[in-house]
């Protein structure tokens, strides 16, 4: 099962890259998003303050090497 452990490591590394990119935006709501990676498929969950922030989060995921798909479960808070 060497392949399974390397996949887990690759997914873990990719998750760390995306989490870091979200934190580097300096937008607190993006840093709080939950990021899950499974075989290159990224799922984002959480709430942001605007559609613009939601798009930034999606772009951060799409720009990371190794991402095959982004599943967007990010809610936009409506005032």
PDB file of N, CA and C in Angstrom:
ATOM      1  N   UNK A   1       0.816  -1.202   0.000  1.00  0.00           N
ATOM      2  CA  UNK A   1       0.000   0.000   0.000  1.00  0.00           C
ATOM      3  C   UNK A   1       0.858   1.264   0.000  1.00  0.00           C
ATOM      4  N   UNK A   2       1.972   1.217  -0.673  1.00  0.00           N
ATOM      5  CA  UNK A   2       2.837   2.388  -0.750  1.00  0.00           C
ATOM      6  C   UNK A   2       2.116   3.521  -1.467  1.00  0.00           C
ATOM      7  N   UNK A   3       1.348   3.221  -2.500  1.00  0.00           N
ATOM      8  CA  UNK A   3       0.630   4.251  -3.245  1.00  0.00           C
ATOM      9  C   UNK A   3      -0.357   5.007  -2.390  1.00  0.00           C
ATOM     10  N   UNK A   4      -1.042   4.324  -1.496  1.00  0.00           N
ATOM     11  CA  UNK A   4      -2.045   4.973  -0.648  1.00  0.00           C
ATOM     12  C   UNK A   4      -1.390   5.960   0.306  1.00  0.00           C
ATOM     13  N   UNK A   5      -0.250   5.591   0.893  1.00  0.00           N
ATOM     14  CA  UNK A   5       0.393   6.502   1.830  1.00  0.00           C
ATOM     15  C   UNK A   5       0.967   7.719   1.116  1.00  0.00           C
ATOM     16  N   UNK A   6       1.468   7.542  -0.105  1.00  0.00           N
ATOM     17  CA  UNK A   6       2.005   8.689  -0.838  1.00  0.00           C
ATOM     18  C   UNK A   6       0.879   9.624  -1.274  1.00  0.00           C
ATOM     19  N   UNK A   7      -0.292   9.064  -1.581  1.00  0.00           N
ATOM     20  CA  UNK A   7      -1.444   9.905  -1.905  1.00  0.00           C
ATOM     21  C   UNK A   7      -1.836  10.751  -0.709  1.00  0.00           C
ATOM     22  N   UNK A   8      -1.856  10.139   0.448  1.00  0.00           N
ATOM     23  CA  UNK A   8      -2.209  10.867   1.660  1.00  0.00           C
ATOM     24  C   UNK A   8      -1.217  12.001   1.904  1.00  0.00           C
ATOM     25  N   UNK A   9       0.061  11.715   1.700  1.00  0.00           N
ATOM     26  CA  UNK A   9       1.088  12.738   1.874  1.00  0.00           C
ATOM     27  C   UNK A   9       0.913  13.852   0.849  1.00  0.00           C
ATOM     28  N   UNK A  10       0.666  13.493  -0.406  1.00  0.00           N
ATOM     29  CA  UNK A  10       0.468  14.505  -1.446  1.00  0.00           C
ATOM     30  C   UNK A  10      -0.751  15.363  -1.139  1.00  0.00           C
ATOM     31  N   UNK A  11      -1.837  14.736  -0.706  1.00  0.00           N
ATOM     32  CA  UNK A  11      -3.038  15.491  -0.352  1.00  0.00           C
ATOM     33  C   UNK A  11      -2.784  16.398   0.838  1.00  0.00           C
ATOM     34  N   UNK A  12      -2.057  15.890   1.818  1.00  0.00           N
ATOM     35  CA  UNK A  12      -1.726  16.684   2.997  1.00  0.00           C
ATOM     36  C   UNK A  12      -0.868  17.895   2.624  1.00  0.00           C
ATOM     37  N   UNK A  13       0.108  17.669   1.763  1.00  0.00           N
ATOM     38  CA  UNK A  13       0.965  18.769   1.306  1.00  0.00           C
ATOM     39  C   UNK A  13       0.151  19.804   0.531  1.00  0.00           C
ATOM     40  N   UNK A  14      -0.729  19.338  -0.338  1.00  0.00           N
ATOM     41  CA  UNK A  14      -1.574  20.244  -1.126  1.00  0.00           C
ATOM     42  C   UNK A  14      -2.497  21.039  -0.215  1.00  0.00           C
ATOM     43  N   UNK A  15      -3.049  20.390   0.785  1.00  0.00           N
ATOM     44  CA  UNK A  15      -3.915  21.080   1.745  1.00  0.00           C
ATOM     45  C   UNK A  15      -3.136  22.193   2.459  1.00  0.00           C
ATOM     46  N   UNK A  16      -1.901  21.897   2.837  1.00  0.00           N
ATOM     47  CA  UNK A  16      -1.065  22.894   3.510  1.00  0.00           C
ATOM     48  C   UNK A  16      -0.760  24.078   2.589  1.00  0.00           C
ATOM     49  N   UNK A  17      -0.479  23.806   1.323  1.00  0.00           N
ATOM     50  CA  UNK A  17      -0.208  24.874   0.356  1.00  0.00           C
ATOM     51  C   UNK A  17      -1.427  25.785   0.228  1.00  0.00           C
ATOM     52  N   UNK A  18      -2.603  25.205   0.083  1.00  0.00           N
ATOM     53  CA  UNK A  18      -3.826  25.996  -0.086  1.00  0.00           C
ATOM     54  C   UNK A  18      -4.144  26.786   1.184  1.00  0.00           C
ATOM     55  N   UNK A  19      -4.003  26.146   2.333  1.00  0.00           N
ATOM     56  CA  UNK A  19      -4.258  26.830   3.602  1.00  0.00           C
ATOM     57  C   UNK A  19      -3.332  28.030   3.767  1.00  0.00           C
ATOM     58  N   UNK A  20      -2.081  27.854   3.393  1.00  0.00           N
ATOM     59  CA  UNK A  20      -1.109  28.951   3.463  1.00  0.00           C
ATOM     60  C   UNK A  20      -1.484  30.076   2.503  1.00  0.00           C
ATOM     61  N   UNK A  21      -1.868  29.728   1.285  1.00  0.00           N
ATOM     62  CA  UNK A  21      -2.267  30.749   0.314  1.00  0.00           C
ATOM     63  C   UNK A  21      -3.484  31.537   0.815  1.00  0.00           C
ATOM     64  N   UNK A  22      -4.432  30.854   1.406  1.00  0.00           N
ATOM     65  CA  UNK A  22      -5.619  31.544   1.936  1.00  0.00           C
ATOM     66  C   UNK A  22      -5.232  32.486   3.077  1.00  0.00           C
ATOM     67  N   UNK A  23      -4.325  32.043   3.940  1.00  0.00           N
ATOM     68  CA  UNK A  23      -3.879  32.883   5.052  1.00  0.00           C
ATOM     69  C   UNK A  23      -3.112  34.105   4.555  1.00  0.00           C
ATOM     70  N   UNK A  24      -2.361  33.931   3.473  1.00  0.00           N
ATOM     71  CA  UNK A  24      -1.549  35.029   2.941  1.00  0.00           C
ATOM     72  C   UNK A  24      -2.383  36.123   2.283  1.00  0.00           C
ATOM     73  N   UNK A  25      -3.667  35.865   2.061  1.00  0.00           N
ATOM     74  CA  UNK A  25      -4.527  36.918   1.511  1.00  0.00           C
ATOM     75  C   UNK A  25      -4.809  38.002   2.541  1.00  0.00           C
ATOM     76  N   UNK A  26      -4.527  37.693   3.800  1.00  0.00           N
ATOM     77  CA  UNK A  26      -4.758  38.614   4.923  1.00  0.00           C
ATOM     78  C   UNK A  26      -6.238  38.958   5.096  1.00  0.00           C
ATOM     79  N   UNK A  27      -7.089  38.053   4.688  1.00  0.00           N
ATOM     80  CA  UNK A  27      -8.531  38.182   4.911  1.00  0.00           C
ATOM     81  C   UNK A  27      -8.909  37.093   5.905  1.00  0.00           C
ATOM     82  N   UNK A  28      -9.327  37.519   7.082  1.00  0.00           N
ATOM     83  CA  UNK A  28      -9.575  36.580   8.179  1.00  0.00           C
ATOM     84  C   UNK A  28     -10.586  35.502   7.809  1.00  0.00           C
ATOM     85  N   UNK A  29     -11.618  35.862   7.066  1.00  0.00           N
ATOM     86  CA  UNK A  29     -12.637  34.868   6.727  1.00  0.00           C
ATOM     87  C   UNK A  29     -12.077  33.766   5.825  1.00  0.00           C
ATOM     88  N   UNK A  30     -11.098  34.087   4.999  1.00  0.00           N
ATOM     89  CA  UNK A  30     -10.496  33.070   4.132  1.00  0.00           C
ATOM     90  C   UNK A  30      -9.591  32.139   4.924  1.00  0.00           C
ATOM     91  N   UNK A  31      -8.919  32.680   5.914  1.00  0.00           N
ATOM     92  CA  UNK A  31      -8.042  31.857   6.749  1.00  0.00           C
ATOM     93  C   UNK A  31      -8.844  30.875   7.600  1.00  0.00           C
ATOM     94  N   UNK A  32     -10.115  31.160   7.828  1.00  0.00           N
ATOM     95  CA  UNK A  32     -10.967  30.277   8.640  1.00  0.00           C
ATOM     96  C   UNK A  32     -11.678  29.200   7.824  1.00  0.00           C
ATOM     97  N   UNK A  33     -11.551  29.223   6.516  1.00  0.00           N
ATOM     98  CA  UNK A  33     -12.227  28.224   5.695  1.00  0.00           C
ATOM     99  C   UNK A  33     -11.650  26.830   5.956  1.00  0.00           C
ATOM    100  N   UNK A  34     -12.519  25.834   5.925  1.00  0.00           N
ATOM    101  CA  UNK A  34     -12.092  24.445   6.056  1.00  0.00           C
ATOM    102  C   UNK A  34     -11.689  23.942   4.676  1.00  0.00           C
ATOM    103  N   UNK A  35     -10.520  23.353   4.594  1.00  0.00           N
ATOM    104  CA  UNK A  35      -9.994  22.835   3.338  1.00  0.00           C
ATOM    105  C   UNK A  35      -9.794  21.335   3.485  1.00  0.00           C
ATOM    106  N   UNK A  36     -10.383  20.575   2.573  1.00  0.00           N
ATOM    107  CA  UNK A  36     -10.205  19.121   2.561  1.00  0.00           C
ATOM    108  C   UNK A  36      -9.725  18.734   1.165  1.00  0.00           C
ATOM    109  N   UNK A  37      -8.719  17.884   1.111  1.00  0.00           N
ATOM    110  CA  UNK A  37      -8.177  17.444  -0.172  1.00  0.00           C
ATOM    111  C   UNK A  37      -8.229  15.924  -0.221  1.00  0.00           C
ATOM    112  N   UNK A  38      -8.774  15.401  -1.308  1.00  0.00           N
ATOM    113  CA  UNK A  38      -8.841  13.958  -1.514  1.00  0.00           C
ATOM    114  C   UNK A  38      -8.476  13.662  -2.965  1.00  0.00           C
ATOM    115  N   UNK A  39      -7.296  13.128  -3.169  1.00  0.00           N
ATOM    116  CA  UNK A  39      -6.780  12.790  -4.493  1.00  0.00           C
ATOM    117  C   UNK A  39      -6.817  13.983  -5.452  1.00  0.00           C
ATOM    118  N   UNK A  40      -6.426  15.145  -4.963  1.00  0.00           N
ATOM    119  CA  UNK A  40      -6.365  16.348  -5.782  1.00  0.00           C
ATOM    120  C   UNK A  40      -7.667  17.113  -5.881  1.00  0.00           C
ATOM    121  N   UNK A  41      -8.735  16.559  -5.330  1.00  0.00           N
ATOM    122  CA  UNK A  41     -10.037  17.226  -5.322  1.00  0.00           C
ATOM    123  C   UNK A  41     -10.155  18.026  -4.026  1.00  0.00           C
ATOM    124  N   UNK A  42     -10.298  19.336  -4.147  1.00  0.00           N
ATOM    125  CA  UNK A  42     -10.340  20.228  -2.995  1.00  0.00           C
ATOM    126  C   UNK A  42     -11.786  20.609  -2.691  1.00  0.00           C
ATOM    127  N   UNK A  43     -12.164  20.471  -1.427  1.00  0.00           N
ATOM    128  CA  UNK A  43     -13.484  20.909  -0.974  1.00  0.00           C
ATOM    129  C   UNK A  43     -13.288  22.053   0.008  1.00  0.00           C
ATOM    130  N   UNK A  44     -13.938  23.170  -0.269  1.00  0.00           N
ATOM    131  CA  UNK A  44     -13.899  24.341   0.610  1.00  0.00           C
ATOM    132  C   UNK A  44     -15.232  24.480   1.324  1.00  0.00           C
ATOM    133  N   UNK A  45     -15.169  24.722   2.639  1.00  0.00           N
ATOM    134  CA  UNK A  45     -16.384  24.942   3.422  1.00  0.00           C
ATOM    135  C   UNK A  45     -16.159  26.120   4.359  1.00  0.00           C
ATOM    136  N   UNK A  46     -17.225  26.855   4.595  1.00  0.00           N
ATOM    137  CA  UNK A  46     -17.156  27.963   5.528  1.00  0.00           C
ATOM    138  C   UNK A  46     -17.982  29.131   5.036  1.00  0.00           C
ATOM    139  N   UNK A  47     -17.749  30.272   5.659  1.00  0.00           N
ATOM    140  CA  UNK A  47     -18.514  31.473   5.335  1.00  0.00           C
ATOM    141  C   UNK A  47     -17.567  32.645   5.147  1.00  0.00           C
ATOM    142  N   UNK A  48     -17.833  33.430   4.120  1.00  0.00           N
ATOM    143  CA  UNK A  48     -17.053  34.637   3.839  1.00  0.00           C
ATOM    144  C   UNK A  48     -17.986  35.835   3.778  1.00  0.00           C
ATOM    145  N   UNK A  49     -17.409  37.016   3.745  1.00  0.00           N
ATOM    146  CA  UNK A  49     -18.201  38.238   3.803  1.00  0.00           C
ATOM    147  C   UNK A  49     -18.701  38.769   2.476  1.00  0.00           C
ATOM    148  N   UNK A  50     -18.164  38.245   1.360  1.00  0.00           N
ATOM    149  CA  UNK A  50     -18.582  38.771   0.055  1.00  0.00           C
ATOM    150  C   UNK A  50     -18.323  37.745  -1.044  1.00  0.00           C
ATOM    151  N   UNK A  51     -18.966  37.966  -2.179  1.00  0.00           N
ATOM    152  CA  UNK A  51     -18.727  37.106  -3.341  1.00  0.00           C
ATOM    153  C   UNK A  51     -17.286  37.249  -3.817  1.00  0.00           C
ATOM    154  N   UNK A  52     -16.711  38.435  -3.657  1.00  0.00           N
ATOM    155  CA  UNK A  52     -15.325  38.677  -4.030  1.00  0.00           C
ATOM    156  C   UNK A  52     -14.390  37.763  -3.232  1.00  0.00           C
ATOM    157  N   UNK A  53     -14.604  37.675  -1.915  1.00  0.00           N
ATOM    158  CA  UNK A  53     -13.782  36.809  -1.077  1.00  0.00           C
ATOM    159  C   UNK A  53     -13.960  35.340  -1.465  1.00  0.00           C
ATOM    160  N   UNK A  54     -15.157  34.977  -1.808  1.00  0.00           N
ATOM    161  CA  UNK A  54     -15.423  33.601  -2.256  1.00  0.00           C
ATOM    162  C   UNK A  54     -14.612  33.306  -3.520  1.00  0.00           C
ATOM    163  N   UNK A  55     -14.587  34.247  -4.441  1.00  0.00           N
ATOM    164  CA  UNK A  55     -13.830  34.059  -5.680  1.00  0.00           C
ATOM    165  C   UNK A  55     -12.330  33.987  -5.413  1.00  0.00           C
ATOM    166  N   UNK A  56     -11.842  34.784  -4.482  1.00  0.00           N
ATOM    167  CA  UNK A  56     -10.419  34.717  -4.113  1.00  0.00           C
ATOM    168  C   UNK A  56     -10.087  33.322  -3.592  1.00  0.00           C
ATOM    169  N   UNK A  57     -10.941  32.768  -2.751  1.00  0.00           N
ATOM    170  CA  UNK A  57     -10.712  31.438  -2.191  1.00  0.00           C
ATOM    171  C   UNK A  57     -10.658  30.384  -3.294  1.00  0.00           C
ATOM    172  N   UNK A  58     -11.581  30.452  -4.217  1.00  0.00           N
ATOM    173  CA  UNK A  58     -11.617  29.485  -5.318  1.00  0.00           C
ATOM    174  C   UNK A  58     -10.368  29.623  -6.184  1.00  0.00           C
ATOM    175  N   UNK A  59      -9.967  30.839  -6.472  1.00  0.00           N
ATOM    176  CA  UNK A  59      -8.774  31.089  -7.284  1.00  0.00           C
ATOM    177  C   UNK A  59      -7.516  30.568  -6.595  1.00  0.00           C
ATOM    178  N   UNK A  60      -7.422  30.738  -5.279  1.00  0.00           N
ATOM    179  CA  UNK A  60      -6.278  30.207  -4.534  1.00  0.00           C
ATOM    180  C   UNK A  60      -6.179  28.694  -4.721  1.00  0.00           C
ATOM    181  N   UNK A  61      -7.307  28.032  -4.683  1.00  0.00           N
ATOM    182  CA  UNK A  61      -7.319  26.574  -4.859  1.00  0.00           C
ATOM    183  C   UNK A  61      -6.936  26.192  -6.279  1.00  0.00           C
ATOM    184  N   UNK A  62      -7.537  26.843  -7.244  1.00  0.00           N
ATOM    185  CA  UNK A  62      -7.298  26.499  -8.646  1.00  0.00           C
ATOM    186  C   UNK A  62      -5.857  26.749  -9.060  1.00  0.00           C
ATOM    187  N   UNK A  63      -5.200  27.708  -8.424  1.00  0.00           N
ATOM    188  CA  UNK A  63      -3.833  28.058  -8.821  1.00  0.00           C
ATOM    189  C   UNK A  63      -2.786  27.118  -8.223  1.00  0.00           C
ATOM    190  N   UNK A  64      -3.177  26.297  -7.273  1.00  0.00           N
ATOM    191  CA  UNK A  64      -2.216  25.385  -6.642  1.00  0.00           C
ATOM    192  C   UNK A  64      -1.957  24.184  -7.551  1.00  0.00           C
ATOM    193  N   UNK A  65      -0.695  23.856  -7.734  1.00  0.00           N
ATOM    194  CA  UNK A  65      -0.326  22.711  -8.573  1.00  0.00           C
ATOM    195  C   UNK A  65      -0.840  21.424  -7.944  1.00  0.00           C
ATOM    196  N   UNK A  66      -1.467  20.594  -8.757  1.00  0.00           N
ATOM    197  CA  UNK A  66      -1.959  19.314  -8.281  1.00  0.00           C
ATOM    198  C   UNK A  66      -3.454  19.268  -8.031  1.00  0.00           C
ATOM    199  N   UNK A  67      -4.121  20.418  -8.139  1.00  0.00           N
ATOM    200  CA  UNK A  67      -5.570  20.463  -7.929  1.00  0.00           C
ATOM    201  C   UNK A  67      -6.272  20.038  -9.208  1.00  0.00           C
ATOM    202  N   UNK A  68      -7.132  19.028  -9.097  1.00  0.00           N
ATOM    203  CA  UNK A  68      -7.864  18.556 -10.268  1.00  0.00           C
ATOM    204  C   UNK A  68      -9.291  19.094 -10.307  1.00  0.00           C
ATOM    205  N   UNK A  69      -9.842  19.424  -9.135  1.00  0.00           N
ATOM    206  CA  UNK A  69     -11.225  19.881  -9.046  1.00  0.00           C
ATOM    207  C   UNK A  69     -11.400  20.662  -7.759  1.00  0.00           C
ATOM    208  N   UNK A  70     -12.233  21.713  -7.801  1.00  0.00           N
ATOM    209  CA  UNK A  70     -12.563  22.471  -6.598  1.00  0.00           C
ATOM    210  C   UNK A  70     -14.067  22.378  -6.382  1.00  0.00           C
ATOM    211  N   UNK A  71     -14.446  21.881  -5.217  1.00  0.00           N
ATOM    212  CA  UNK A  71     -15.860  21.816  -4.846  1.00  0.00           C
ATOM    213  C   UNK A  71     -16.107  22.951  -3.867  1.00  0.00           C
ATOM    214  N   UNK A  72     -16.984  23.846  -4.250  1.00  0.00           N
ATOM    215  CA  UNK A  72     -17.237  25.074  -3.511  1.00  0.00           C
ATOM    216  C   UNK A  72     -18.499  24.945  -2.651  1.00  0.00           C
ATOM    217  N   UNK A  73     -18.272  24.860  -1.329  1.00  0.00           N
ATOM    218  CA  UNK A  73     -19.366  24.869  -0.367  1.00  0.00           C
ATOM    219  C   UNK A  73     -19.233  26.100   0.534  1.00  0.00           C
ATOM    220  N   UNK A  74     -18.733  27.184  -0.041  1.00  0.00           N
ATOM    221  CA  UNK A  74     -18.514  28.422   0.707  1.00  0.00           C
ATOM    222  C   UNK A  74     -19.794  29.264   0.640  1.00  0.00           C
ATOM    223  N   UNK A  75     -20.241  29.694   1.802  1.00  0.00           N
ATOM    224  CA  UNK A  75     -21.422  30.539   1.891  1.00  0.00           C
ATOM    225  C   UNK A  75     -20.996  32.004   1.959  1.00  0.00           C
ATOM    226  N   UNK A  76     -21.798  32.862   1.378  1.00  0.00           N
ATOM    227  CA  UNK A  76     -21.555  34.303   1.458  1.00  0.00           C
ATOM    228  C   UNK A  76     -22.545  34.872   2.460  1.00  0.00           C
ATOM    229  N   UNK A  77     -22.021  35.525   3.475  1.00  0.00           N
ATOM    230  CA  UNK A  77     -22.870  36.125   4.504  1.00  0.00           C
ATOM    231  C   UNK A  77     -23.614  37.294   3.904  1.00  0.00           C
ATOM    232  N   UNK A  78     -24.910  37.300   4.093  1.00  0.00           N
ATOM    233  CA  UNK A  78     -25.753  38.386   3.580  1.00  0.00           C
ATOM    234  C   UNK A  78     -26.211  39.217   4.760  1.00  0.00           C
ATOM    235  N   UNK A  79     -25.948  40.491   4.684  1.00  0.00           N
ATOM    236  CA  UNK A  79     -26.347  41.385   5.785  1.00  0.00           C
ATOM    237  C   UNK A  79     -27.755  41.847   5.660  1.00  0.00           C
TER     238      UNK A  79
END
